[in-house]
N, C-alpha and C. Protein backbone atom coordinates (compact mmCIF):
# COMPACT_ATOMS: atom_id res chain seq x y z
N ASN A 1 -49.08 -17.28 -6.03
CA ASN A 1 -50.48 -17.27 -5.60
C ASN A 1 -51.40 -17.48 -6.80
N ASN A 2 -50.84 -17.59 -7.98
CA ASN A 2 -51.60 -17.88 -9.20
C ASN A 2 -52.74 -16.90 -9.43
N PHE A 3 -52.52 -15.64 -9.09
CA PHE A 3 -53.47 -14.55 -9.29
C PHE A 3 -54.76 -14.69 -8.49
N MET A 4 -54.70 -15.44 -7.39
CA MET A 4 -55.85 -15.54 -6.51
C MET A 4 -55.94 -14.27 -5.67
N PRO A 5 -57.14 -13.94 -5.18
CA PRO A 5 -57.28 -12.74 -4.35
C PRO A 5 -56.38 -12.80 -3.12
N ALA A 6 -55.81 -11.67 -2.76
CA ALA A 6 -54.98 -11.56 -1.55
C ALA A 6 -55.79 -10.83 -0.49
N THR A 7 -55.93 -11.45 0.66
CA THR A 7 -56.67 -10.81 1.74
C THR A 7 -55.71 -10.15 2.71
N GLY A 8 -56.25 -9.30 3.55
CA GLY A 8 -55.44 -8.65 4.57
C GLY A 8 -55.74 -7.17 4.65
N LYS A 9 -55.01 -6.51 5.54
CA LYS A 9 -55.20 -5.08 5.75
C LYS A 9 -54.18 -4.30 4.93
N VAL A 10 -54.65 -3.29 4.22
CA VAL A 10 -53.77 -2.41 3.47
C VAL A 10 -53.16 -1.45 4.47
N LEU A 11 -51.88 -1.62 4.74
CA LEU A 11 -51.21 -0.80 5.75
C LEU A 11 -50.79 0.57 5.22
N HIS A 12 -50.40 0.60 3.96
CA HIS A 12 -50.00 1.86 3.32
C HIS A 12 -50.39 1.77 1.85
N TYR A 13 -50.90 2.88 1.31
CA TYR A 13 -51.32 2.89 -0.09
C TYR A 13 -51.02 4.25 -0.69
N SER A 14 -50.17 4.27 -1.70
CA SER A 14 -49.82 5.51 -2.39
C SER A 14 -49.76 5.22 -3.88
N GLU A 15 -50.60 5.92 -4.65
CA GLU A 15 -50.69 5.69 -6.09
C GLU A 15 -49.68 6.54 -6.86
N PRO A 16 -49.22 6.04 -8.00
CA PRO A 16 -48.39 6.87 -8.87
C PRO A 16 -49.25 7.95 -9.51
N ALA A 17 -48.63 9.03 -9.91
CA ALA A 17 -49.36 10.13 -10.54
C ALA A 17 -48.47 10.78 -11.60
N GLY A 18 -49.09 11.51 -12.48
CA GLY A 18 -48.34 12.24 -13.50
C GLY A 18 -49.08 12.23 -14.82
N PRO A 19 -48.57 12.96 -15.79
CA PRO A 19 -49.21 13.01 -17.11
C PRO A 19 -49.26 11.62 -17.74
N GLY A 20 -50.42 11.25 -18.24
CA GLY A 20 -50.58 9.96 -18.90
C GLY A 20 -50.67 8.78 -17.95
N ILE A 21 -50.85 9.03 -16.65
CA ILE A 21 -50.98 7.95 -15.67
C ILE A 21 -52.34 8.07 -15.00
N ARG A 22 -53.08 6.96 -14.96
CA ARG A 22 -54.38 6.94 -14.30
C ARG A 22 -54.49 5.67 -13.48
N VAL A 23 -55.11 5.79 -12.31
CA VAL A 23 -55.35 4.63 -11.45
C VAL A 23 -56.85 4.55 -11.18
N ASP A 24 -57.44 3.40 -11.45
CA ASP A 24 -58.82 3.12 -11.07
C ASP A 24 -58.75 2.16 -9.89
N SER A 25 -59.14 2.65 -8.71
CA SER A 25 -58.96 1.86 -7.50
C SER A 25 -60.13 2.04 -6.55
N GLY A 26 -60.38 1.02 -5.79
CA GLY A 26 -61.39 1.09 -4.75
C GLY A 26 -60.81 0.77 -3.39
N ILE A 27 -59.50 0.86 -3.25
CA ILE A 27 -58.88 0.55 -1.96
C ILE A 27 -58.18 1.77 -1.40
N MET A 28 -57.90 1.71 -0.10
CA MET A 28 -57.20 2.80 0.58
C MET A 28 -56.49 2.24 1.80
N ALA A 29 -55.55 3.00 2.33
CA ALA A 29 -54.83 2.59 3.53
C ALA A 29 -55.83 2.36 4.66
N GLY A 30 -55.62 1.30 5.41
CA GLY A 30 -56.49 0.96 6.53
C GLY A 30 -57.62 0.01 6.16
N MET A 31 -57.85 -0.16 4.88
CA MET A 31 -58.94 -1.03 4.41
C MET A 31 -58.58 -2.49 4.60
N GLU A 32 -59.53 -3.27 5.04
CA GLU A 32 -59.38 -4.72 5.15
C GLU A 32 -59.93 -5.32 3.85
N ILE A 33 -59.11 -6.08 3.15
CA ILE A 33 -59.57 -6.69 1.90
C ILE A 33 -60.09 -8.09 2.23
N PRO A 34 -61.40 -8.32 2.05
CA PRO A 34 -62.00 -9.61 2.41
C PRO A 34 -61.74 -10.66 1.33
N ILE A 35 -62.03 -11.89 1.66
CA ILE A 35 -61.79 -13.02 0.76
C ILE A 35 -62.62 -12.91 -0.52
N ASP A 36 -63.79 -12.28 -0.46
CA ASP A 36 -64.64 -12.21 -1.64
C ASP A 36 -64.40 -10.96 -2.49
N TYR A 37 -63.32 -10.23 -2.21
CA TYR A 37 -62.99 -9.03 -2.97
C TYR A 37 -62.41 -9.43 -4.32
N ASP A 38 -62.70 -8.65 -5.35
CA ASP A 38 -62.15 -8.87 -6.68
C ASP A 38 -60.62 -8.92 -6.60
N PRO A 39 -59.98 -9.91 -7.23
CA PRO A 39 -58.52 -9.97 -7.16
C PRO A 39 -57.83 -8.77 -7.80
N ILE A 40 -58.53 -8.01 -8.62
CA ILE A 40 -57.96 -6.79 -9.18
C ILE A 40 -58.31 -5.65 -8.24
N MET A 41 -57.37 -5.33 -7.33
CA MET A 41 -57.60 -4.28 -6.34
C MET A 41 -57.56 -2.90 -6.96
N ALA A 42 -56.76 -2.76 -8.01
CA ALA A 42 -56.64 -1.47 -8.69
C ALA A 42 -56.14 -1.72 -10.10
N LYS A 43 -56.47 -0.79 -11.00
CA LYS A 43 -55.97 -0.86 -12.36
C LYS A 43 -55.08 0.35 -12.60
N LEU A 44 -53.89 0.12 -13.09
CA LEU A 44 -52.96 1.18 -13.44
C LEU A 44 -52.96 1.29 -14.96
N ILE A 45 -53.26 2.48 -15.46
CA ILE A 45 -53.34 2.72 -16.89
C ILE A 45 -52.35 3.82 -17.25
N VAL A 46 -51.59 3.62 -18.32
CA VAL A 46 -50.70 4.68 -18.80
C VAL A 46 -51.01 4.95 -20.26
N HIS A 47 -50.72 6.18 -20.67
CA HIS A 47 -50.89 6.57 -22.06
C HIS A 47 -49.58 7.18 -22.54
N ALA A 48 -49.15 6.77 -23.72
CA ALA A 48 -47.92 7.30 -24.30
C ALA A 48 -48.04 7.20 -25.83
N PRO A 49 -47.18 7.92 -26.54
CA PRO A 49 -47.30 7.94 -28.00
C PRO A 49 -46.94 6.63 -28.70
N ASP A 50 -46.18 5.76 -28.04
CA ASP A 50 -45.80 4.49 -28.67
C ASP A 50 -45.61 3.42 -27.60
N ARG A 51 -45.49 2.17 -28.06
CA ARG A 51 -45.39 1.02 -27.15
C ARG A 51 -44.18 1.13 -26.23
N GLU A 52 -43.02 1.44 -26.78
CA GLU A 52 -41.80 1.51 -25.98
C GLU A 52 -41.92 2.54 -24.86
N THR A 53 -42.44 3.71 -25.18
CA THR A 53 -42.61 4.76 -24.17
C THR A 53 -43.65 4.36 -23.14
N ALA A 54 -44.72 3.71 -23.60
CA ALA A 54 -45.77 3.27 -22.67
C ALA A 54 -45.23 2.21 -21.70
N ILE A 55 -44.43 1.29 -22.20
CA ILE A 55 -43.85 0.26 -21.34
C ILE A 55 -42.93 0.90 -20.30
N THR A 56 -42.09 1.81 -20.73
CA THR A 56 -41.19 2.51 -19.80
C THR A 56 -41.97 3.27 -18.75
N LYS A 57 -43.02 3.97 -19.18
CA LYS A 57 -43.85 4.74 -18.25
C LYS A 57 -44.55 3.82 -17.26
N MET A 58 -45.05 2.68 -17.73
CA MET A 58 -45.74 1.74 -16.86
C MET A 58 -44.78 1.16 -15.82
N ILE A 59 -43.58 0.80 -16.24
CA ILE A 59 -42.60 0.25 -15.29
C ILE A 59 -42.26 1.29 -14.23
N LYS A 60 -42.05 2.54 -14.64
CA LYS A 60 -41.76 3.61 -13.67
C LYS A 60 -42.93 3.81 -12.72
N ALA A 61 -44.15 3.78 -13.25
CA ALA A 61 -45.34 3.94 -12.41
C ALA A 61 -45.46 2.79 -11.41
N LEU A 62 -45.20 1.58 -11.85
CA LEU A 62 -45.24 0.43 -10.94
C LEU A 62 -44.19 0.56 -9.84
N HIS A 63 -43.01 1.06 -10.19
CA HIS A 63 -41.96 1.25 -9.19
C HIS A 63 -42.33 2.33 -8.18
N SER A 64 -43.15 3.29 -8.57
CA SER A 64 -43.52 4.35 -7.63
C SER A 64 -44.80 4.03 -6.85
N TYR A 65 -45.48 2.95 -7.22
CA TYR A 65 -46.70 2.51 -6.52
C TYR A 65 -46.26 1.91 -5.19
N LYS A 66 -46.89 2.31 -4.09
CA LYS A 66 -46.52 1.79 -2.77
C LYS A 66 -47.76 1.16 -2.12
N ILE A 67 -47.70 -0.15 -1.95
CA ILE A 67 -48.77 -0.89 -1.28
C ILE A 67 -48.12 -1.81 -0.26
N LEU A 68 -48.52 -1.67 0.99
CA LEU A 68 -47.99 -2.52 2.05
C LEU A 68 -49.14 -3.27 2.71
N GLY A 69 -48.90 -4.51 3.08
CA GLY A 69 -49.86 -5.28 3.85
C GLY A 69 -50.52 -6.41 3.09
N VAL A 70 -50.62 -6.30 1.77
CA VAL A 70 -51.24 -7.36 0.97
C VAL A 70 -50.33 -7.68 -0.22
N LYS A 71 -50.43 -8.91 -0.68
CA LYS A 71 -49.65 -9.31 -1.85
C LYS A 71 -50.24 -8.66 -3.10
N THR A 72 -49.36 -8.32 -4.01
CA THR A 72 -49.80 -7.78 -5.30
C THR A 72 -49.04 -8.49 -6.41
N SER A 73 -49.42 -8.20 -7.62
CA SER A 73 -48.72 -8.78 -8.78
C SER A 73 -47.77 -7.76 -9.42
N MET A 74 -47.40 -6.71 -8.68
CA MET A 74 -46.57 -5.66 -9.28
C MET A 74 -45.22 -6.18 -9.76
N ARG A 75 -44.56 -7.02 -8.99
CA ARG A 75 -43.26 -7.55 -9.42
C ARG A 75 -43.43 -8.36 -10.70
N PHE A 76 -44.48 -9.16 -10.75
CA PHE A 76 -44.77 -9.94 -11.95
C PHE A 76 -45.00 -9.02 -13.14
N MET A 77 -45.76 -7.95 -12.94
CA MET A 77 -46.05 -7.02 -14.02
C MET A 77 -44.77 -6.37 -14.55
N VAL A 78 -43.90 -5.94 -13.65
CA VAL A 78 -42.62 -5.34 -14.07
C VAL A 78 -41.82 -6.36 -14.88
N ASP A 79 -41.75 -7.60 -14.39
CA ASP A 79 -41.00 -8.64 -15.10
C ASP A 79 -41.59 -8.90 -16.49
N ALA A 80 -42.91 -8.95 -16.58
CA ALA A 80 -43.56 -9.19 -17.88
C ALA A 80 -43.30 -8.03 -18.84
N LEU A 81 -43.46 -6.81 -18.34
CA LEU A 81 -43.24 -5.63 -19.19
C LEU A 81 -41.79 -5.54 -19.67
N ALA A 82 -40.85 -5.96 -18.85
CA ALA A 82 -39.44 -5.88 -19.19
C ALA A 82 -38.97 -7.04 -20.08
N HIS A 83 -39.81 -8.03 -20.27
CA HIS A 83 -39.43 -9.19 -21.07
C HIS A 83 -39.29 -8.76 -22.54
N PRO A 84 -38.21 -9.17 -23.21
CA PRO A 84 -37.99 -8.76 -24.60
C PRO A 84 -39.13 -9.16 -25.55
N GLU A 85 -39.74 -10.32 -25.32
CA GLU A 85 -40.85 -10.75 -26.18
C GLU A 85 -42.06 -9.84 -26.01
N PHE A 86 -42.32 -9.40 -24.78
CA PHE A 86 -43.43 -8.47 -24.56
C PHE A 86 -43.13 -7.13 -25.23
N ALA A 87 -41.91 -6.64 -25.05
CA ALA A 87 -41.52 -5.36 -25.64
C ALA A 87 -41.65 -5.40 -27.17
N ALA A 88 -41.39 -6.55 -27.76
CA ALA A 88 -41.49 -6.69 -29.21
C ALA A 88 -42.93 -6.87 -29.69
N GLY A 89 -43.86 -7.00 -28.75
CA GLY A 89 -45.26 -7.18 -29.12
C GLY A 89 -45.64 -8.62 -29.37
N ASN A 90 -44.76 -9.54 -29.04
CA ASN A 90 -45.02 -10.97 -29.24
C ASN A 90 -45.74 -11.55 -28.03
N THR A 91 -46.98 -11.14 -27.85
CA THR A 91 -47.78 -11.64 -26.73
C THR A 91 -48.92 -12.48 -27.28
N TYR A 92 -49.27 -13.50 -26.54
CA TYR A 92 -50.30 -14.44 -26.94
C TYR A 92 -50.79 -15.13 -25.68
N THR A 93 -51.78 -15.97 -25.80
CA THR A 93 -52.42 -16.55 -24.62
C THR A 93 -51.49 -17.40 -23.77
N SER A 94 -50.45 -17.97 -24.34
CA SER A 94 -49.53 -18.79 -23.54
C SER A 94 -48.24 -18.03 -23.19
N PHE A 95 -48.24 -16.70 -23.31
CA PHE A 95 -47.05 -15.90 -23.00
C PHE A 95 -46.56 -16.15 -21.58
N ILE A 96 -47.46 -16.11 -20.61
CA ILE A 96 -47.07 -16.30 -19.21
C ILE A 96 -46.51 -17.70 -19.01
N GLU A 97 -47.20 -18.69 -19.50
CA GLU A 97 -46.75 -20.08 -19.35
C GLU A 97 -45.38 -20.29 -20.00
N ASN A 98 -45.17 -19.71 -21.17
CA ASN A 98 -43.92 -19.93 -21.91
C ASN A 98 -42.75 -19.07 -21.44
N HIS A 99 -43.03 -17.88 -20.91
CA HIS A 99 -41.94 -16.96 -20.62
C HIS A 99 -41.81 -16.54 -19.16
N MET A 100 -42.85 -16.75 -18.37
CA MET A 100 -42.83 -16.23 -17.01
C MET A 100 -42.87 -17.31 -15.94
N SER A 101 -43.01 -18.56 -16.30
CA SER A 101 -43.18 -19.62 -15.29
C SER A 101 -41.90 -19.91 -14.52
N GLU A 102 -40.73 -19.59 -15.07
CA GLU A 102 -39.48 -19.92 -14.40
C GLU A 102 -38.86 -18.75 -13.65
N ARG A 103 -39.56 -17.64 -13.57
CA ARG A 103 -38.98 -16.47 -12.89
C ARG A 103 -38.84 -16.74 -11.40
N GLU A 104 -37.81 -16.16 -10.81
CA GLU A 104 -37.57 -16.31 -9.38
C GLU A 104 -38.43 -15.32 -8.62
N THR A 105 -38.97 -15.76 -7.50
CA THR A 105 -39.87 -14.89 -6.75
C THR A 105 -39.16 -14.04 -5.73
N GLY A 106 -38.04 -14.49 -5.19
CA GLY A 106 -37.32 -13.69 -4.20
C GLY A 106 -38.06 -13.56 -2.88
N GLN A 107 -38.90 -14.52 -2.52
CA GLN A 107 -39.69 -14.42 -1.30
C GLN A 107 -38.84 -14.30 -0.05
N ASP A 108 -37.73 -15.05 0.03
CA ASP A 108 -36.89 -14.98 1.22
C ASP A 108 -36.30 -13.59 1.40
N GLU A 109 -35.82 -13.00 0.29
CA GLU A 109 -35.27 -11.66 0.37
C GLU A 109 -36.34 -10.66 0.79
N CYS A 110 -37.55 -10.84 0.30
CA CYS A 110 -38.65 -9.94 0.63
C CYS A 110 -38.97 -10.01 2.11
N LYS A 111 -39.00 -11.21 2.67
CA LYS A 111 -39.30 -11.36 4.09
C LYS A 111 -38.21 -10.73 4.94
N GLU A 112 -36.95 -10.92 4.54
CA GLU A 112 -35.85 -10.29 5.27
C GLU A 112 -35.94 -8.78 5.20
N LEU A 113 -36.28 -8.25 4.04
CA LEU A 113 -36.43 -6.80 3.89
C LEU A 113 -37.57 -6.29 4.76
N ALA A 114 -38.67 -7.02 4.81
CA ALA A 114 -39.81 -6.61 5.63
C ALA A 114 -39.44 -6.52 7.10
N VAL A 115 -38.68 -7.49 7.58
CA VAL A 115 -38.24 -7.47 8.98
C VAL A 115 -37.32 -6.28 9.22
N ALA A 116 -36.39 -6.02 8.31
CA ALA A 116 -35.46 -4.90 8.46
C ALA A 116 -36.21 -3.57 8.45
N VAL A 117 -37.15 -3.41 7.55
CA VAL A 117 -37.91 -2.16 7.46
C VAL A 117 -38.76 -1.97 8.71
N ALA A 118 -39.37 -3.05 9.20
CA ALA A 118 -40.17 -2.94 10.42
C ALA A 118 -39.30 -2.50 11.59
N ALA A 119 -38.08 -3.01 11.67
CA ALA A 119 -37.17 -2.61 12.75
C ALA A 119 -36.80 -1.14 12.64
N VAL A 120 -36.50 -0.68 11.44
CA VAL A 120 -36.16 0.74 11.24
C VAL A 120 -37.37 1.61 11.57
N ALA A 121 -38.55 1.20 11.13
CA ALA A 121 -39.75 1.98 11.42
C ALA A 121 -40.01 2.06 12.92
N SER A 122 -39.79 0.96 13.62
CA SER A 122 -39.98 0.94 15.06
C SER A 122 -39.01 1.88 15.76
N MET A 123 -37.74 1.85 15.34
CA MET A 123 -36.74 2.75 15.94
C MET A 123 -37.07 4.21 15.63
N THR A 124 -37.51 4.47 14.41
CA THR A 124 -37.86 5.84 14.03
C THR A 124 -39.03 6.34 14.85
N GLN A 125 -40.03 5.50 15.05
CA GLN A 125 -41.19 5.88 15.84
C GLN A 125 -40.78 6.21 17.27
N ALA A 126 -39.86 5.42 17.82
CA ALA A 126 -39.40 5.65 19.19
C ALA A 126 -38.63 6.96 19.32
N ARG A 127 -37.98 7.38 18.25
CA ARG A 127 -37.18 8.61 18.29
C ARG A 127 -37.95 9.86 17.89
N LYS A 128 -39.19 9.73 17.51
CA LYS A 128 -39.96 10.89 17.04
C LYS A 128 -40.08 11.98 18.09
N THR A 129 -39.95 11.61 19.34
CA THR A 129 -40.09 12.62 20.39
C THR A 129 -38.85 13.47 20.56
N SER A 130 -37.69 13.01 20.06
CA SER A 130 -36.48 13.83 20.18
C SER A 130 -36.38 14.75 18.98
N HIS A 131 -35.91 15.96 19.20
CA HIS A 131 -35.82 16.96 18.14
C HIS A 131 -34.41 17.50 18.05
N VAL A 132 -34.06 17.99 16.89
CA VAL A 132 -32.74 18.54 16.63
C VAL A 132 -32.76 20.03 16.93
N GLY A 133 -31.97 20.46 17.91
CA GLY A 133 -31.80 21.88 18.20
C GLY A 133 -33.07 22.64 18.48
N GLY A 134 -34.12 21.96 18.90
CA GLY A 134 -35.36 22.65 19.22
C GLY A 134 -36.07 23.20 17.99
N ALA A 135 -35.62 22.86 16.80
CA ALA A 135 -36.22 23.40 15.57
C ALA A 135 -37.48 22.65 15.16
N GLY A 136 -37.81 21.61 15.89
CA GLY A 136 -39.01 20.86 15.57
C GLY A 136 -38.80 19.79 14.51
N GLU A 137 -37.57 19.60 14.05
CA GLU A 137 -37.30 18.56 13.07
C GLU A 137 -37.05 17.24 13.78
N ALA A 138 -37.53 16.17 13.20
CA ALA A 138 -37.27 14.85 13.77
C ALA A 138 -35.79 14.54 13.65
N ALA A 139 -35.25 13.85 14.66
CA ALA A 139 -33.83 13.52 14.67
C ALA A 139 -33.47 12.51 13.59
N VAL A 140 -34.44 11.67 13.18
CA VAL A 140 -34.20 10.64 12.18
C VAL A 140 -35.20 10.83 11.06
N ALA A 141 -34.74 10.79 9.84
CA ALA A 141 -35.64 10.92 8.69
C ALA A 141 -36.53 9.69 8.61
N SER A 142 -37.70 9.86 8.05
CA SER A 142 -38.63 8.75 7.87
C SER A 142 -38.03 7.71 6.93
N PRO A 143 -38.08 6.42 7.30
CA PRO A 143 -37.57 5.40 6.39
C PRO A 143 -38.38 5.33 5.10
N TRP A 144 -39.63 5.76 5.13
CA TRP A 144 -40.49 5.72 3.95
C TRP A 144 -39.99 6.73 2.91
N ASP A 145 -39.36 7.81 3.36
CA ASP A 145 -38.85 8.81 2.44
C ASP A 145 -37.47 8.46 1.90
N SER A 146 -36.75 7.60 2.59
CA SER A 146 -35.35 7.37 2.24
C SER A 146 -35.09 6.10 1.43
N ILE A 147 -36.11 5.26 1.24
CA ILE A 147 -35.88 4.04 0.47
C ILE A 147 -36.68 4.07 -0.81
N GLY A 148 -36.29 3.25 -1.74
CA GLY A 148 -36.99 3.16 -3.01
C GLY A 148 -38.24 2.32 -2.88
N GLN A 149 -38.78 1.89 -4.00
CA GLN A 149 -40.02 1.15 -4.04
C GLN A 149 -39.82 -0.25 -3.46
N TRP A 150 -40.73 -0.69 -2.59
CA TRP A 150 -40.69 -2.02 -2.02
C TRP A 150 -42.08 -2.36 -1.52
N GLN A 151 -42.28 -3.61 -1.16
CA GLN A 151 -43.60 -4.04 -0.73
C GLN A 151 -43.48 -5.27 0.14
N ILE A 152 -44.24 -5.31 1.22
CA ILE A 152 -44.29 -6.48 2.08
C ILE A 152 -45.31 -7.44 1.49
N GLY A 153 -44.96 -8.71 1.40
CA GLY A 153 -45.92 -9.70 0.95
C GLY A 153 -45.77 -10.08 -0.51
N ASP A 154 -44.80 -9.52 -1.21
CA ASP A 154 -44.55 -9.91 -2.58
C ASP A 154 -43.07 -9.72 -2.84
N ALA A 155 -42.61 -10.04 -4.00
CA ALA A 155 -41.17 -10.07 -4.25
C ALA A 155 -40.59 -8.78 -4.80
N ILE A 156 -41.27 -7.68 -4.67
CA ILE A 156 -40.72 -6.43 -5.20
C ILE A 156 -40.02 -5.68 -4.09
N ASN A 157 -38.80 -5.30 -4.27
CA ASN A 157 -38.05 -4.59 -3.23
C ASN A 157 -36.88 -3.84 -3.84
N GLU A 158 -37.17 -3.00 -4.78
CA GLU A 158 -36.11 -2.28 -5.48
C GLU A 158 -35.90 -0.92 -4.88
């Protein structure tokens, strides 16, 4: 998408949190992002004593960020942060062009994952009325609690 604004409805939004992690955001779940919205929907900032620790903290924070419904650049950010040249501090204006232009996007896998997750969510919703032993517990755990970080509309699905 070449960093163009992504429009659509934010279906789910959960920010990372913890010491040295800050998010500056103006979006929330249920919000419709219009075409004239700033392409930077949120800024994730981390603080650490050195570059290596900051990179590790940022990657972990990106993996715990949950945004569904709109495309984001989170997968790209993780890939850039994990690149050996970035880790070494060798960044310059043509870094993306020279090191990130050939990365695989994984769009097909992402679409397949989105369909699978939607099916699981639908089945879970249908079963919410059944309870285990009258204890009030849902018979099926929420799929949102049982899977790792993923996102519909972009190539991140770890």
